[in-house]
Amino acid sequence: MASSWNTLEPKLSPQVFVSDSFHRSSAASSNSLDVIDVMGFECMTPVQAGVIPLFMQNKDVVVEAVTGSGKTLAFVIPIIEKLMRRETPQKHSIGALIISPTRELAQQISSVIDLFLKDGAIALKHALFIGGASALQDDIKRYKELRPDIIVGTPGRLEDLVVGRGSSSGIINAKEMEVLVLDEADRLLDMGFTQSLSNILAHLPKQRRTGLFSATMTDALTEIVRAGLRNPVHLQAKVESNASKGERRTPITLSIGYILCEPHQKLSQLLRLLERETVTKFIIYFATCACVDYFFKLFKDLPQLKNFKINSLHGQMKSKKRIANYNTFVNLPPTSKAILLCTDVAARGLDVPDVDFVIQYDPPQDPKVFSHRCGRTARAGRGGKAMVFLTTGREEVYVEFLKIRKIPLQRQPYLLPNGGVYKLDEDSDDAVPKEDADNERLIEQIRNIILSDRDYHDKGTRAFVSYVRAYSKHEANYIFRMKDLDMGKIAKGFALLQLPKMPELKGRNIEFDKVPIEMAEYKYADKNREAARVKELENPRGKRRNDLTNSSLHNASSSLFSPILPSRSANQSVLGVDMSMNTHLKLVKMTVKNKDPVHLDSLSIRGNNIRYYILPDSLPLDTLLIDDTPKAKAKKKERKWVGKEHDVSYDSKQDKCKYGCSWWRLLWVGDTMETYKQLDSLSFAF
């Protein structure tokens, strides 16, 4: 049974919550900001009813709750109440610190706090500090000018401000801090922020209240609880289905279905679903960043989606673009038909208003993420729908797998054109029709679009390769098995013109009708890119480079590769490339013996001047280069160059490091030089 806000003890301040009787009796209430009412929480959710009283009574809390449970208010309200009631507010010390795993989630929390504080009725100030949105020096200046009571931020930037960077010490005064909140704590650890969190916690006072909010509890989180919380109260929010009285991990207001189809039928199923749904806001999840980029470009040119506003969001976008795209989608009017294409960067914590339907075009690699994706709709008691596309065969076991994990799915029929559905024949085992002429016409339509611009071909190939590599990393790999993949149908589903050359396709008997095309005549629509391509073709190496691009190594793989690239001349050769990769690209080592320039897509070495580029160009990555040659080690010398995003250069003549053969360690890192970023594609080609 839902609890009334009026039953809370201790009572909330009128600046935070205006009771019904106050509304009726006081004319002044129209000037008060009743944020709780504005956000649509007529009654407390179970998480709010359990957490708020404990937090306000100076208890540490560990909260495990399903997504969409209203936990943001569960910690924002106690923070504001506690800081408002301080007897002696500290002018030079923050009162509360909220740490979030992503920029988008931190932004969202900050916007909720802003609702309480923006009219000035509550004399508190807050600030948002996230990496990539502004320079560190700008954030330092803003902190000194504002002196906020509440700070929300991501671990990397907060570590810079609290602990310091390099020889510089931290500038945030936290001696009198009263409240620490770790939101989406399990994801904070999954994303590699363990060391950053430890460094931050070491600089915070022991006498504080701490709230740890997480969708799941892990051994690593248990260690943080032991080290950072004092006698915490553990709360677990469960949802009970009225129909079965069974425990489930998703809200009962959320309806989750699945559609079975062949890999090359997924796109037509998606378009038919979008066509017949009367709701307006959709989130569509894809397996990789490259898939998002490809389908984002494609969807904008599909006449079937001309009435939709298309947006995209993934972790390899530049920070400012991610924030801008997120805000654009959030701020669209509820009546506007809109689609957000994204990866799992938007699977946790984000509260996008009025999302009606979540579609999982590709099931997530981590089964735990499935419920988080679905939870972007049906939040805080509102209704919502979710759908996942599964291919016929082994993937059908995923339904039972999720049922065991308390996530029930309902089978939905295969969608036919013009509003029809495929009715299962009792005498047939076919889950989908053997022929779908409309689907074939759609593939042909998309291929014609792809032929109009070579950029489609590049993005589509990259997306296909990244999808196959991502599929190989499914944690539930006894369900999502590489040997069961029909590579030809998957390639057809991406509307590829030709199959790329990649190790995963070797030795397979693949049925695929490629589109005959002369690659040398295949043009880019962008004039600058086309001019560069033509110029490259005029170079004797152009054809060789063009051919090798198709055999590029795309996306990070969990195995070790040591390809030996062919020599170009007797005095110049790439001796070897070692890539040690896990979920995120961690290490690339290349040894080069050269006198003449060597040109590679991802790394070019010209004489003694080293310059490299990361693909795709949109990757917002800082880079650290370390001279790791034997002579440098012998001299106990380690040189470091930190560059701007994609382009770092090193002139060995100037630094007097002349080595004919060198090992270079390239480490891609995040805001604090510790967080690894997933690399969508990496290619080596002359």
Foldseek 3Di string as FASTA:
>chain_A
DFAALCPDPPHADVLAAPDPVNVVPPPCSVVHQPLCVVVPQRTAFPLLNPQQNQLLVQFAEEEAEFFQRPCLCSPLRSQLRVQQPDPDDDQQAAAEEEEEADPQLLVVSVVSNCSSPVSPPRVFFEDEDEPQPDDLVVVLVVCVVGVGNYYGYYLQSVLCQQQNADPGGHDHHQANYAEYEYEQVVVCVVLPCVVSVVSNLVRHDLRYHYYYYHNDDDPVVVVCCVVRGDPHDYYYDWEAAPVPRDTARAHNLEAEAEEADALQCLVVQVLLVLVPDPFAEEEEEDADPLLQVLVLVLLCPDPSCVQEAEAEAEDQFRPVNNVVRLVVRLPDDRVRRYYYYYYCVPQANRARPNHAEYEYSDQYLEVVSRSSSSSSPCHSNHHHYYYYYDYPDLLVVVQVVVVVVRHHYHYDFRAAPPGDGDDDDPVDPDRDDPDHVVSVVVLVVSLVVCLVFVVSQVSLQLSLLLNLQSLCSRPVCVRSPLVPDQSQSNSSSSSHQDHFAEPSCPPDDHDHDHHDDDVLPRAHPDPVVRVVLVVLVVDPCSVQQVNQVSHWFWWFHQDWDKDFDDAPDPQWGWGIWIWHGHQAGFKIKTKIQDQAWDDWQAWTDGHQKTKGFAPPNSGQWKKWKWFDFPVCVVVVHIDIDIDGGTIDMDRCVVVVDDDRIGIIIIGTADSNRRRTDTRGTDTTGD
